Structure formats: structure tokens, C-alpha cells
């Protein structure tokens, strides 16, 4: 490469958002100033930002993207504000700096900590830096515990610790929960209809007919400042049964504040787990009630009386039409219009249905269905058709062998050029050549190396397009032998199956060999 690639990595956790010194913009300014002072502005600059992620682990999208480029040899230098921006885990951070980055010849600079890996010959800078690692890790864990304790203390005092509140309420200027009149009316309709023994489907239909916003659509409109006259979203009046059931069980509509339902599974993580119900924080009379106690009790009695939906069971058994409901495609069939997973019915003539728009009579995908037997037959036909194309392409493998020799030749050339660079650097260090001569020779080697890498990459890309890989060929052979659509075959080949209202079916493949053959054959099939 003619120019070194410098990666600026910036991280800001939610806990640090209040501090100007940690802000994204201030970190960016500091790193830019450092590069100017160190005369590093001659390279290609890439920026990676993780906004709202803890440094206690490396499960962050931007840092994962950065590390992937390091593994591919596309990064020469990583620049961060300080060690804590890259990571607060002492062992993992030290592992990357001491082991991974030297292996890929990546320079690591922590500007505020005065650390440059070139000056430390691959280690982390001795005892002083090790103490910084430990301090950063303990600081993060201690801060997380303090924040959790502070939030619990706020919740016990009745102060809201969430950004938003339950549907039916809104926050006033003092962050108190007050009734949101239009949304509260929708809540009352739901409770009154259910207490009057109306079905969830009846409630869904009425809410859609009266054009009452779903909770997610209502939240989006308030957040974006849109009003009812704004351009309508086709699905904003569709309510899910699960959402209605959650609402019917929520005691907050009685005026009881509830907090502490979940907790983080680990410090710095984003996954949560449910707390035991007796550990929840409950404060009665915290805010105005929308639903009176007698109406809430009537809804709870109806919930207990109905129990599990009848469609999930039959008399004296917990398994209804199990044979018909079983399908290798279950969970992979998607509505091509609304994008939701299509459920399979437990009837004798089992079919995949778009249940999301079942109560939206004017939706394009309303009552969209396809028989399970027909869909499986069409998908199996598509799999076999594509498998034949893959195997046909595999017959040209001999033609691709001609490309293997040049690829191996260029790989050898790349290895020799990299060795030349290493020896050239050794000559500079030992005084065998002067810096000017080193720069001249290095520029020539880099240009030749860059050209060799591009040619080698082009050869590999051409070979991939010309012939399927071994996994695709093996999968194609299995597909042609298959007499029915098995779960194993679907798991191997099919990512998802899109069903469209105009009777089209699109198969989205998993293996690249199957995808590469799509230029020769359309992947859309018409259901019969």
C-alpha cells in the first residue's frame, strides 16, 4: 500500500454521556490534533465509533469491524484517546496489544496515556500501564454497580428511571407520569372489551377500524413530532395479540408504579433477565389511574378463565394436528410485503398465513396464505433446479485449474515481497542504508506488493464466480438425492423463503455457490 491506513477508534458509553471530556466530538478533536502534531496526516484515515457501548467487553459493532480489518491486514495503526476507550478489561486489552497487534504488525497508540507500541517493542509498557488497565476495569465495574444502585434508589422514591413510560401515559416537564388522553382512551377500550368477553381478534379489528395507533407507532409519532395528518404508515394501526395481553396484565394502569422487572446479565452487557416478581418495586398511587380496580379485576378474571388459546390444544391433549403443523420451512417463511414471519395453521389442510395483517382488511397481504404442501413442493423444486445449475458449473472446474497456477505464482511473489520489506527494515535499523534510500526502496516494494495483492484477489474472485466451492457442490449432490424437503436440507441451503401476494415465491440461499449461479437462472418461482 502506498499510504498507511490509520484507524481512529472512539467509544462513548451511556454512563459517560454526561461528561464533555469523553464526548465523541472531543475525542475526535484530540485524535486529529495528535495526528497533526505527530505528522501522521499523510495516511488514509478510517474512523470507527461505538456510541453507547461499555468497554468491559469487546461485543461492540465498530470494534469488531476494526478487528476484522486487522485480521485481513488492512490496518497499519490504531489510535485511541486512552486505553479505557479501547477496552476496560485488563486481560483482553493486554492480549490484543501484546499478542494480536504485533502479529499483524499493527501500531497501537493511546494518545492521552502517552503509549506507542513502537516504543515498547510489543509489550504493554510495564507496570504503570498494567495498573492503568486494572484501574480502568475496576472503575467500569464500580461505576456500573453505583449506577444500578442509584437507579434503584430513584425507583424506590418513585422517580422514573426510563426514558419513556407505558402506553397511555406521557411525561410532563417534571418527568411525572400524566395521562395521555387519546392513548388512554385506547387502553380503556381494550380493557372494557376484554372484560365484556370479547376476543383478542375482536379488539384488534376495532382498533384497526377506528385507526387507533399501536404503541410503537404512537411512540414514533411523539418522538418524531408527527401528527395524525402526516403521511400514514400502512401498518401503524395493526395491534399484536401479545401486546394486548401484556397491556391487560399491567398494574401500572391502576396508578401503581412498577420498576426493577429485569436486570443486566453481566456488567457492560446489553442482555437482560427477568427478576422474581416479589423483587419488583411497586408504589401504589404513584400516578393517575386509567383503569378502575373493578374493571382491571374483571379483565384478570377473564384472562384466568380463558387460559391458553384453544387453537394450541384440543380436548384432553396438548398437541393439535402436530403432523400437519410440522414443516421443514417453519420459521423461515416470510411475507414478502410486510416482512413478518408467516405462521403455520394447525388444521387438516395446514397452510402458512400472514397473521400480522389478519385484522387489516385493506392491507395488501391480508389473508395471504399458501398451503404447506404446495410451498414445500415449490421450494423442493427450486432447490433441485438450483442444485443442477451448481453441479453444471462444477463441471467447468478443469477450466478453473488454469487460474490456480497464476494464483499460486502471485502468492509466492507476495511472500517474497513481504520478506524483502522485512529485510529492508532490518538494514535501516542496523545502519546498512540511510533513511532516504529506505523510503525510496520501500515505496517501490509497496507499489509492487499492492499490485500483486490486487491481481491475486482478482484471480480468486474470478475462480469463485466460475466454479462453486466444495461445500456448495456437496450440498447440491445431497439436494438432488432428496425425495422430500427435510429440515436438515433446508437448514443447509435456505436462509428464508419470501411469499408475495402476487403468488410469487423467492428463495434466499445460504451458500455462496448457489447465489453465484443465480445470474444463469431466476430465483423467483410461481406457486401452482
Protein backbone atom coordinates (compact mmCIF):
# COMPACT_ATOMS: atom_id res chain seq x y z
CA UNK A 1 0.00 0.00 0.00
CA UNK A 2 1.26 3.47 -0.87
CA UNK A 3 -0.21 5.07 2.24
CA UNK A 4 -0.51 3.59 5.74
CA UNK A 5 -4.06 3.05 6.98
CA UNK A 6 -4.69 4.72 10.34
CA UNK A 7 -7.81 3.71 12.27
CA UNK A 8 -9.20 6.18 14.80
CA UNK A 9 -11.29 4.32 17.39
CA UNK A 10 -13.75 6.30 19.51
CA UNK A 11 -16.05 4.92 22.21
CA UNK A 12 -18.60 6.53 24.48
CA UNK A 13 -20.69 4.54 26.95
CA UNK A 14 -24.13 5.60 28.14
CA UNK A 15 -22.71 6.17 31.63
CA UNK A 16 -20.18 8.69 30.30
CA UNK A 17 -22.53 10.65 28.01
CA UNK A 18 -22.82 13.48 30.56
CA UNK A 19 -19.06 14.18 30.52
CA UNK A 20 -17.77 16.63 27.90
CA UNK A 21 -14.23 15.24 28.16
CA UNK A 22 -15.43 11.85 26.89
CA UNK A 23 -17.75 13.16 24.16
CA UNK A 24 -17.43 11.79 20.64
CA UNK A 25 -16.53 15.19 19.24
CA UNK A 26 -13.86 15.92 21.87
CA UNK A 27 -12.24 12.51 21.34
CA UNK A 28 -12.22 13.16 17.59
CA UNK A 29 -10.59 16.58 18.05
CA UNK A 30 -7.94 15.16 20.38
CA UNK A 31 -7.02 12.38 17.95
CA UNK A 32 -6.91 14.76 14.98
CA UNK A 33 -4.63 17.10 16.92
CA UNK A 34 -2.38 14.20 17.89
CA UNK A 35 -2.01 13.14 14.25
CA UNK A 36 -1.13 16.69 13.22
CA UNK A 37 1.48 17.04 15.97
CA UNK A 38 2.98 13.64 15.13
CA UNK A 39 2.93 14.33 11.38
CA UNK A 40 0.61 11.35 10.76
CA UNK A 41 -1.77 13.08 8.35
CA UNK A 42 -0.22 11.54 5.23
CA UNK A 43 -2.03 8.20 5.51
CA UNK A 44 -5.55 7.00 4.80
CA UNK A 45 -7.76 7.74 7.81
CA UNK A 46 -10.61 5.46 8.88
CA UNK A 47 -12.90 6.19 11.84
CA UNK A 48 -14.73 3.66 13.98
CA UNK A 49 -17.25 4.83 16.59
CA UNK A 50 -19.09 2.81 19.25
CA UNK A 51 -21.62 5.18 20.77
CA UNK A 52 -23.42 3.87 23.85
CA UNK A 53 -21.29 0.73 24.42
CA UNK A 54 -19.45 -0.31 27.57
CA UNK A 55 -15.74 -1.06 27.37
CA UNK A 56 -15.91 -4.02 29.75
CA UNK A 57 -16.17 -6.43 26.81
CA UNK A 58 -15.47 -6.41 23.06
CA UNK A 59 -19.02 -7.17 21.88
CA UNK A 60 -19.19 -3.81 20.09
CA UNK A 61 -20.00 -3.48 16.36
CA UNK A 62 -17.36 -0.88 15.46
CA UNK A 63 -14.52 -2.56 17.35
CA UNK A 64 -15.45 -5.91 15.79
CA UNK A 65 -15.34 -4.32 12.32
CA UNK A 66 -11.95 -2.82 13.17
CA UNK A 67 -10.53 -6.12 14.41
CA UNK A 68 -11.76 -7.89 11.27
CA UNK A 69 -9.81 -5.40 9.12
CA UNK A 70 -6.76 -6.02 11.33
CA UNK A 71 -7.05 -9.76 10.66
CA UNK A 72 -7.25 -9.02 6.93
CA UNK A 73 -4.04 -6.99 7.13
CA UNK A 74 -5.77 -3.74 6.10
CA UNK A 75 -4.87 -1.64 9.17
CA UNK A 76 -1.39 -0.29 9.97
CA UNK A 77 -2.09 1.83 13.04
CA UNK A 78 -4.83 2.14 15.68
CA UNK A 79 -5.20 5.44 17.51
CA UNK A 80 -7.36 5.89 20.64
CA UNK A 81 -7.74 8.63 23.25
CA UNK A 82 -6.63 6.31 26.08
CA UNK A 83 -6.59 2.63 26.99
CA UNK A 84 -10.08 2.77 28.50
CA UNK A 85 -11.58 3.84 25.14
CA UNK A 86 -10.34 0.62 23.52
CA UNK A 87 -11.31 -1.61 26.45
CA UNK A 88 -11.65 -1.75 30.22
CA UNK A 89 -10.95 -5.47 30.55
CA UNK A 90 -7.28 -5.82 31.54
CA UNK A 91 -6.72 -9.33 30.17
CA UNK A 92 -8.45 -8.86 26.81
CA UNK A 93 -7.00 -5.41 26.16
CA UNK A 94 -3.48 -6.59 27.05
CA UNK A 95 -3.93 -9.65 24.84
CA UNK A 96 -4.72 -7.54 21.78
CA UNK A 97 -1.86 -5.09 22.40
CA UNK A 98 0.77 -7.71 23.30
CA UNK A 99 -0.24 -10.60 21.03
CA UNK A 100 -2.66 -9.77 18.24
CA UNK A 101 -1.45 -6.37 17.03
CA UNK A 102 2.27 -7.29 16.92
CA UNK A 103 1.37 -10.44 14.97
CA UNK A 104 -0.29 -8.31 12.27
CA UNK A 105 2.33 -5.53 12.61
CA UNK A 106 -0.24 -3.01 13.77
CA UNK A 107 0.94 0.02 15.70
CA UNK A 108 -1.22 0.92 18.73
CA UNK A 109 -1.27 4.45 20.18
CA UNK A 110 -3.12 5.65 23.30
CA UNK A 111 -2.70 9.42 22.95
CA UNK A 112 -3.59 10.67 26.46
CA UNK A 113 -1.70 7.81 28.14
CA UNK A 114 1.46 8.57 26.14
CA UNK A 115 1.66 4.98 24.89
CA UNK A 116 3.03 3.97 21.47
CA UNK A 117 3.62 0.27 20.84
CA UNK A 118 6.57 1.09 18.56
CA UNK A 119 8.37 2.43 21.60
CA UNK A 120 7.68 -0.65 23.73
CA UNK A 121 8.65 -3.45 21.35
CA UNK A 122 5.38 -5.37 21.63
CA UNK A 123 4.73 -5.21 25.39
CA UNK A 124 2.18 -3.01 27.15
CA UNK A 125 4.57 -0.53 28.69
CA UNK A 126 5.43 -2.08 32.02
CA UNK A 127 3.92 -1.82 35.48
CA UNK A 128 2.48 1.69 35.03
CA UNK A 129 0.34 0.70 32.08
CA UNK A 130 -0.71 -2.56 33.77
CA UNK A 131 -2.01 -0.54 36.71
CA UNK A 132 -3.98 1.65 34.29
CA UNK A 133 -5.59 -1.47 32.82
CA UNK A 134 -6.66 -2.66 36.27
CA UNK A 135 -7.89 0.78 37.31
CA UNK A 136 -9.98 1.09 34.13
CA UNK A 137 -11.54 -2.34 34.66
CA UNK A 138 -12.38 -1.78 38.32
CA UNK A 139 -13.62 1.73 37.56
CA UNK A 140 -16.07 0.37 34.99
CA UNK A 141 -17.39 -2.35 37.30
CA UNK A 142 -17.62 0.02 40.27
CA UNK A 143 -19.38 2.65 38.17
CA UNK A 144 -21.87 0.07 36.91
CA UNK A 145 -22.71 -1.01 40.48
CA UNK A 146 -23.11 2.61 41.61
CA UNK A 147 -25.37 3.46 38.68
CA UNK A 148 -27.51 0.39 39.31
CA UNK A 149 -27.81 1.31 43.00
CA UNK A 150 -28.65 4.92 42.11
CA UNK A 151 -31.36 3.82 39.67
CA UNK A 152 -32.89 1.50 42.27
CA UNK A 153 -32.84 4.32 44.80
CA UNK A 154 -34.64 6.58 42.32
CA UNK A 155 -37.21 3.88 41.60
CA UNK A 156 -37.86 3.38 45.34
CA UNK A 157 -38.54 7.12 45.60
CA UNK A 158 -40.99 6.88 42.69
CA UNK A 159 -38.72 8.68 40.20
CA UNK A 160 -38.77 7.39 36.63
CA UNK A 161 -35.51 5.76 35.56
CA UNK A 162 -36.67 5.04 32.00
CA UNK A 163 -36.66 7.42 29.06
CA UNK A 164 -40.32 6.77 28.33
CA UNK A 165 -43.39 5.43 30.10
CA UNK A 166 -46.07 2.85 29.38
CA UNK A 167 -48.58 3.45 26.56
CA UNK A 168 -51.45 5.60 27.83
CA UNK A 169 -49.21 7.98 29.75
CA UNK A 170 -46.71 10.71 28.92
CA UNK A 171 -44.10 12.63 30.90
CA UNK A 172 -44.63 16.25 31.86
CA UNK A 173 -41.83 18.80 32.23
CA UNK A 174 -41.05 17.49 35.71
CA UNK A 175 -40.83 13.90 34.34
CA UNK A 176 -44.00 12.85 36.12
CA UNK A 177 -46.39 10.35 34.56
CA UNK A 178 -49.61 12.01 33.46
CA UNK A 179 -52.49 10.63 31.41
CA UNK A 180 -52.15 10.89 27.62
CA UNK A 181 -55.86 11.36 26.73
CA UNK A 182 -56.02 9.80 23.24
CA UNK A 183 -53.81 6.82 24.12
CA UNK A 184 -55.64 6.36 27.45
CA UNK A 185 -58.95 6.08 25.59
CA UNK A 186 -57.49 3.22 23.56
CA UNK A 187 -56.41 1.50 26.79
CA UNK A 188 -59.94 1.79 28.24
CA UNK A 189 -61.47 0.31 25.07
CA UNK A 190 -59.15 -2.70 25.32
CA UNK A 191 -59.99 -3.37 28.99
CA UNK A 192 -63.74 -2.83 28.55
CA UNK A 193 -63.97 -5.12 25.51
CA UNK A 194 -61.94 -7.89 27.11
CA UNK A 195 -63.87 -7.69 30.38
CA UNK A 196 -67.05 -7.96 28.29
CA UNK A 197 -65.68 -11.30 26.99
CA UNK A 198 -64.73 -10.03 23.54
CA UNK A 199 -61.93 -11.92 21.81
CA UNK A 200 -58.50 -10.51 21.12
CA UNK A 201 -59.33 -10.65 17.39
CA UNK A 202 -62.43 -8.52 18.02
CA UNK A 203 -60.30 -5.97 19.85
CA UNK A 204 -57.72 -5.95 17.04
CA UNK A 205 -60.40 -5.37 14.41
CA UNK A 206 -62.00 -2.48 16.27
CA UNK A 207 -58.66 -0.76 16.94
CA UNK A 208 -57.77 -1.08 13.25
CA UNK A 209 -61.18 0.08 12.04
CA UNK A 210 -61.08 3.14 14.32
CA UNK A 211 -57.49 3.85 13.18
CA UNK A 212 -56.03 3.72 16.68
CA UNK A 213 -52.23 3.77 16.70
CA UNK A 214 -50.29 0.80 18.03
CA UNK A 215 -47.91 1.60 20.95
CA UNK A 216 -44.82 1.57 18.71
CA UNK A 217 -46.46 3.85 16.11
CA UNK A 218 -47.69 6.20 18.86
CA UNK A 219 -44.19 6.41 20.35
CA UNK A 220 -42.63 7.09 16.94
CA UNK A 221 -45.10 9.89 16.22
CA UNK A 222 -44.41 11.59 19.54
CA UNK A 223 -40.66 11.20 19.12
CA UNK A 224 -40.61 12.48 15.53
CA UNK A 225 -43.12 15.28 16.20
CA UNK A 226 -45.55 13.99 13.57
CA UNK A 227 -49.32 14.48 13.82
CA UNK A 228 -52.26 12.42 12.63
CA UNK A 229 -52.38 14.35 9.36
CA UNK A 230 -48.90 13.20 8.42
CA UNK A 231 -48.33 10.54 5.79
CA UNK A 232 -49.69 7.24 7.08
CA UNK A 233 -47.74 4.08 7.64
CA UNK A 234 -49.66 1.08 6.28
CA UNK A 235 -49.09 -0.96 9.44
CA UNK A 236 -49.36 1.67 12.20
CA UNK A 237 -52.89 0.63 13.22
CA UNK A 238 -52.15 -3.09 13.46
CA UNK A 239 -52.02 -4.41 17.01
CA UNK A 240 -50.39 -7.67 18.06
CA UNK A 241 -52.24 -10.02 20.38
CA UNK A 242 -49.16 -10.39 22.56
CA UNK A 243 -49.04 -6.60 23.03
CA UNK A 244 -52.69 -6.51 24.06
CA UNK A 245 -52.17 -9.35 26.57
CA UNK A 246 -49.18 -7.57 28.13
CA UNK A 247 -51.27 -4.41 28.45
CA UNK A 248 -54.16 -6.30 30.11
CA UNK A 249 -51.80 -7.61 32.81
CA UNK A 250 -50.06 -4.29 33.52
CA UNK A 251 -50.84 -2.94 37.01
CA UNK A 252 -49.49 0.49 36.06
CA UNK A 253 -52.92 1.32 34.62
CA UNK A 254 -54.19 1.20 38.22
CA UNK A 255 -51.79 4.00 39.16
CA UNK A 256 -49.13 1.63 40.55
CA UNK A 257 -45.55 2.41 39.57
CA UNK A 258 -43.55 -0.74 38.74
CA UNK A 259 -39.80 -0.91 38.23
CA UNK A 260 -36.97 -3.42 38.52
CA UNK A 261 -38.58 -6.13 36.39
CA UNK A 262 -35.28 -7.00 34.70
CA UNK A 263 -31.56 -6.81 35.38
CA UNK A 264 -28.45 -6.94 33.20
CA UNK A 265 -26.95 -10.40 32.97
CA UNK A 266 -23.39 -9.03 33.17
CA UNK A 267 -21.59 -5.74 33.73
CA UNK A 268 -21.28 -3.85 30.46
CA UNK A 269 -23.61 -6.25 28.64
CA UNK A 270 -26.87 -5.47 26.86
CA UNK A 271 -28.85 -8.62 27.58
CA UNK A 272 -31.35 -8.68 30.45
CA UNK A 273 -33.04 -11.35 32.54
CA UNK A 274 -36.29 -11.21 34.49
CA UNK A 275 -36.22 -10.67 38.25
CA UNK A 276 -38.53 -12.61 40.53
CA UNK A 277 -41.92 -10.84 40.78
CA UNK A 278 -41.56 -10.40 44.54
CA UNK A 279 -38.38 -8.36 43.89
CA UNK A 280 -40.15 -5.80 41.69
CA UNK A 281 -40.55 -2.29 43.05
CA UNK A 282 -44.25 -1.37 43.42
CA UNK A 283 -45.52 2.05 44.52
CA UNK A 284 -49.36 2.29 44.60
CA UNK A 285 -50.95 5.68 43.93
CA UNK A 286 -47.85 6.91 42.13
CA UNK A 287 -49.73 8.41 39.16
CA UNK A 288 -53.34 8.88 37.97
CA UNK A 289 -55.13 5.61 37.21
CA UNK A 290 -56.60 5.00 33.76
CA UNK A 291 -58.45 1.78 34.66
CA UNK A 292 -60.57 1.40 37.84
CA UNK A 293 -59.86 -1.58 40.10
CA UNK A 294 -63.13 -3.40 39.34
CA UNK A 295 -62.55 -3.25 35.56
CA UNK A 296 -58.94 -4.43 35.98
CA UNK A 297 -60.10 -7.34 38.18
CA UNK A 298 -62.74 -8.31 35.62
CA UNK A 299 -60.07 -8.43 32.89
CA UNK A 300 -57.79 -10.58 35.08
CA UNK A 301 -60.65 -12.99 35.77
CA UNK A 302 -61.27 -13.29 32.04
CA UNK A 303 -57.56 -13.97 31.47
CA UNK A 304 -57.64 -16.78 34.04
CA UNK A 305 -60.85 -18.23 32.59
CA UNK A 306 -59.59 -18.33 29.01
CA UNK A 307 -56.16 -19.76 29.74
CA UNK A 308 -54.22 -20.92 26.69
CA UNK A 309 -55.75 -20.14 23.27
CA UNK A 310 -57.88 -23.06 22.07
CA UNK A 311 -56.04 -23.22 18.75
CA UNK A 312 -52.98 -24.51 20.64
CA UNK A 313 -54.73 -27.53 22.13
CA UNK A 314 -57.53 -30.00 21.64
CA UNK A 315 -59.63 -31.73 24.32
CA UNK A 316 -57.56 -33.88 26.71
CA UNK A 317 -54.34 -33.31 24.79
CA UNK A 318 -51.63 -30.66 24.39
CA UNK A 319 -50.86 -31.45 20.76
CA UNK A 320 -53.27 -30.46 17.99
CA UNK A 321 -52.61 -31.58 14.42
CA UNK A 322 -48.90 -31.99 15.24
CA UNK A 323 -48.19 -33.78 11.95
CA UNK A 324 -49.77 -31.02 9.88
CA UNK A 325 -48.08 -28.22 11.85
CA UNK A 326 -44.63 -29.74 11.46
CA UNK A 327 -42.73 -28.35 8.47
CA UNK A 328 -39.09 -28.10 7.47
CA UNK A 329 -39.81 -24.49 6.47
CA UNK A 330 -41.27 -23.44 9.82
CA UNK A 331 -39.75 -20.14 10.94
CA UNK A 332 -38.23 -19.41 7.52
CA UNK A 333 -41.34 -18.38 5.57
CA UNK A 334 -41.71 -14.59 5.43
CA UNK A 335 -44.41 -12.34 3.99
CA UNK A 336 -42.80 -10.51 1.10
CA UNK A 337 -44.98 -7.43 1.71
CA UNK A 338 -44.94 -6.75 5.47
CA UNK A 339 -41.78 -8.74 6.25
CA UNK A 340 -43.24 -10.73 9.15
CA UNK A 341 -42.79 -14.46 9.71
CA UNK A 342 -45.77 -16.44 8.43
CA UNK A 343 -47.22 -18.88 10.94
CA UNK A 344 -48.44 -22.34 10.07
CA UNK A 345 -52.04 -23.30 10.87
CA UNK A 346 -52.86 -26.36 12.93
CA UNK A 347 -55.63 -27.55 10.64
CA UNK A 348 -56.01 -30.62 8.46
CA UNK A 349 -55.05 -28.63 5.35
CA UNK A 350 -52.15 -26.85 7.00
CA UNK A 351 -51.08 -23.59 5.41
CA UNK A 352 -48.71 -20.71 6.06
CA UNK A 353 -50.60 -17.49 6.87
CA UNK A 354 -49.61 -13.84 7.22
CA UNK A 355 -51.17 -13.36 10.64
CA UNK A 356 -49.81 -9.86 11.15
CA UNK A 357 -52.41 -8.29 8.83
CA UNK A 358 -55.25 -10.70 9.63
CA UNK A 359 -57.35 -7.89 11.11
CA UNK A 360 -56.32 -5.30 8.48
CA UNK A 361 -58.84 -5.95 5.72
CA UNK A 362 -57.38 -3.32 3.38
CA UNK A 363 -53.74 -4.45 3.73
CA UNK A 364 -52.09 -5.81 0.59
CA UNK A 365 -51.12 -9.05 2.32
CA UNK A 366 -54.45 -9.50 4.16
CA UNK A 367 -55.35 -13.20 4.22
CA UNK A 368 -52.18 -14.10 2.34
CA UNK A 369 -51.79 -17.86 2.60
CA UNK A 370 -50.09 -20.73 0.84
CA UNK A 371 -50.70 -24.42 1.51
CA UNK A 372 -47.86 -26.09 3.34
CA UNK A 373 -47.77 -28.98 0.85
CA UNK A 374 -47.68 -26.64 -2.15
CA UNK A 375 -44.98 -24.41 -0.70
CA UNK A 376 -42.78 -27.36 0.24
CA UNK A 377 -43.18 -28.78 -3.27
CA UNK A 378 -42.25 -25.45 -4.90
CA UNK A 379 -39.23 -24.96 -2.64
CA UNK A 380 -38.03 -28.53 -3.24
CA UNK A 381 -38.36 -27.95 -6.98
CA UNK A 382 -36.38 -24.71 -6.66
CA UNK A 383 -33.69 -26.42 -4.59
CA UNK A 384 -33.27 -29.22 -7.14
CA UNK A 385 -33.25 -26.78 -10.05
CA UNK A 386 -30.56 -24.69 -8.42
CA UNK A 387 -28.58 -27.79 -7.44
CA UNK A 388 -28.45 -28.84 -11.09
CA UNK A 389 -27.05 -25.43 -12.04
CA UNK A 390 -24.41 -25.68 -9.30
CA UNK A 391 -23.29 -29.13 -10.44
CA UNK A 392 -23.28 -27.98 -14.06
CA UNK A 393 -20.98 -25.12 -13.08
CA UNK A 394 -18.85 -27.62 -11.19
CA UNK A 395 -18.16 -29.49 -14.43
CA UNK A 396 -16.08 -26.50 -15.53
CA UNK A 397 -13.68 -26.99 -12.63
CA UNK A 398 -11.00 -28.11 -15.08
CA UNK A 399 -11.16 -24.72 -16.78
CA UNK A 400 -10.58 -23.06 -13.45
CA UNK A 401 -7.45 -25.11 -12.80
CA UNK A 402 -5.74 -22.83 -15.30
CA UNK A 403 -6.34 -19.97 -12.88
CA UNK A 404 -4.77 -21.85 -9.94
CA UNK A 405 -1.23 -21.72 -11.32
CA UNK A 406 -1.14 -17.91 -11.63
CA UNK A 407 -2.77 -17.60 -8.18
CA UNK A 408 -0.05 -19.76 -6.61
CA UNK A 409 2.61 -17.82 -8.53
CA UNK A 410 1.34 -14.48 -7.24
CA UNK A 411 1.05 -15.87 -3.71
CA UNK A 412 4.72 -16.78 -3.84
CA UNK A 413 5.56 -13.34 -5.20
CA UNK A 414 3.62 -11.69 -2.35
CA UNK A 415 5.58 -13.74 0.19
CA UNK A 416 8.92 -12.74 -1.38
CA UNK A 417 7.99 -9.04 -1.42
CA UNK A 418 6.98 -9.14 2.24
CA UNK A 419 10.29 -10.76 3.09
CA UNK A 420 12.08 -8.04 1.08
CA UNK A 421 10.29 -5.41 3.17
CA UNK A 422 11.34 -7.11 6.39
CA UNK A 423 15.00 -7.28 5.30
CA UNK A 424 14.90 -3.67 4.12
CA UNK A 425 13.69 -2.58 7.55
CA UNK A 426 16.45 -4.60 9.22
CA UNK A 427 19.01 -2.83 7.01
CA UNK A 428 17.64 0.53 8.13
CA UNK A 429 17.80 -0.44 11.81
CA UNK A 430 21.37 -1.80 11.54
CA UNK A 431 22.54 1.25 9.57
CA UNK A 432 23.09 -0.59 6.31
CA UNK A 433 21.10 2.02 4.37
CA UNK A 434 20.16 5.64 5.03
CA UNK A 435 16.52 6.71 5.67
CA UNK A 436 16.18 8.32 2.23
CA UNK A 437 17.28 5.14 0.48
CA UNK A 438 14.94 3.14 2.74
CA UNK A 439 11.96 5.31 1.75
CA UNK A 440 12.78 5.03 -1.96
CA UNK A 441 13.13 1.22 -1.91
CA UNK A 442 10.13 0.77 0.39
CA UNK A 443 7.90 2.82 -1.92
CA UNK A 444 8.91 0.66 -4.88
CA UNK A 445 8.29 -2.59 -2.94
CA UNK A 446 4.94 -1.34 -1.63
CA UNK A 447 3.79 -0.46 -5.13
CA UNK A 448 4.77 -3.88 -6.45
CA UNK A 449 3.21 -5.61 -3.44
CA UNK A 450 -0.04 -3.69 -3.80
CA UNK A 451 -0.26 -4.66 -7.48
CA UNK A 452 0.43 -8.33 -6.68
CA UNK A 453 -2.27 -8.36 -3.99
CA UNK A 454 -4.82 -6.84 -6.36
CA UNK A 455 -4.06 -9.33 -9.12
CA UNK A 456 -4.16 -12.26 -6.69
CA UNK A 457 -7.50 -11.07 -5.30
CA UNK A 458 -8.93 -10.67 -8.82
CA UNK A 459 -7.86 -14.22 -9.72
CA UNK A 460 -9.53 -15.64 -6.60
CA UNK A 461 -12.73 -13.67 -7.26
CA UNK A 462 -12.85 -14.96 -10.82
CA UNK A 463 -12.36 -18.55 -9.67
CA UNK A 464 -15.19 -18.20 -7.14
CA UNK A 465 -17.53 -16.92 -9.84
CA UNK A 466 -16.50 -19.62 -12.28
CA UNK A 467 -16.93 -22.66 -10.07
CA UNK A 468 -18.86 -23.35 -6.86
CA UNK A 469 -16.92 -24.17 -3.73
CA UNK A 470 -16.69 -27.70 -2.31
CA UNK A 471 -19.48 -27.08 0.24
CA UNK A 472 -21.88 -25.95 -2.48
CA UNK A 473 -21.08 -28.94 -4.70
CA UNK A 474 -21.58 -31.36 -1.81
CA UNK A 475 -24.86 -29.68 -0.84
CA UNK A 476 -26.06 -29.81 -4.46
CA UNK A 477 -25.42 -33.57 -4.59
CA UNK A 478 -27.43 -34.06 -1.39
CA UNK A 479 -30.26 -31.93 -2.76
CA UNK A 480 -30.59 -33.99 -5.95
CA UNK A 481 -30.82 -37.21 -3.92
CA UNK A 482 -33.51 -35.82 -1.61
CA UNK A 483 -37.02 -37.18 -2.10
CA UNK A 484 -38.62 -34.67 0.26
CA UNK A 485 -37.79 -31.34 1.82
CA UNK A 486 -36.08 -32.26 5.08
CA UNK A 487 -35.25 -29.92 7.93
CA UNK A 488 -31.54 -30.67 7.51
CA UNK A 489 -31.62 -29.77 3.81
CA UNK A 490 -33.47 -26.51 4.46
CA UNK A 491 -31.06 -25.60 7.27
CA UNK A 492 -28.12 -26.25 4.93
CA UNK A 493 -29.36 -24.32 1.89
CA UNK A 494 -32.23 -21.96 2.63
CA UNK A 495 -31.91 -18.71 4.56
CA UNK A 496 -35.56 -17.73 4.11
CA UNK A 497 -38.50 -18.09 1.72
CA UNK A 498 -40.34 -14.90 0.75
CA UNK A 499 -44.02 -15.31 -0.21
CA UNK A 500 -45.59 -12.41 -2.15
CA UNK A 501 -49.28 -11.54 -2.60
CA UNK A 502 -48.98 -11.93 -6.40
CA UNK A 503 -48.31 -15.67 -5.98
CA UNK A 504 -44.53 -15.38 -6.29
CA UNK A 505 -42.02 -17.18 -4.08
CA UNK A 506 -38.43 -16.08 -3.64
CA UNK A 507 -35.81 -18.39 -2.16
CA UNK A 508 -32.92 -16.68 -0.39
CA UNK A 509 -29.95 -19.05 -0.39
CA UNK A 510 -27.31 -19.53 2.29
CA UNK A 511 -24.35 -20.87 0.29
CA UNK A 512 -22.40 -18.55 -2.00
CA UNK A 513 -22.14 -21.25 -4.67
CA UNK A 514 -25.92 -21.26 -5.03
CA UNK A 515 -26.05 -17.44 -5.09
CA UNK A 516 -23.37 -17.18 -7.81
CA UNK A 517 -25.45 -19.34 -10.13
CA UNK A 518 -28.46 -17.03 -9.89
CA UNK A 519 -27.22 -14.99 -12.85
CA UNK A 520 -27.98 -18.02 -15.00
CA UNK A 521 -31.42 -18.78 -13.53
CA UNK A 522 -34.07 -16.60 -11.86
CA UNK A 523 -34.74 -17.38 -8.20
CA UNK A 524 -38.44 -16.47 -8.36
CA UNK A 525 -40.95 -19.29 -8.66
CA UNK A 526 -44.68 -19.23 -9.20
CA UNK A 527 -46.72 -21.32 -6.78
CA UNK A 528 -49.06 -23.72 -8.52
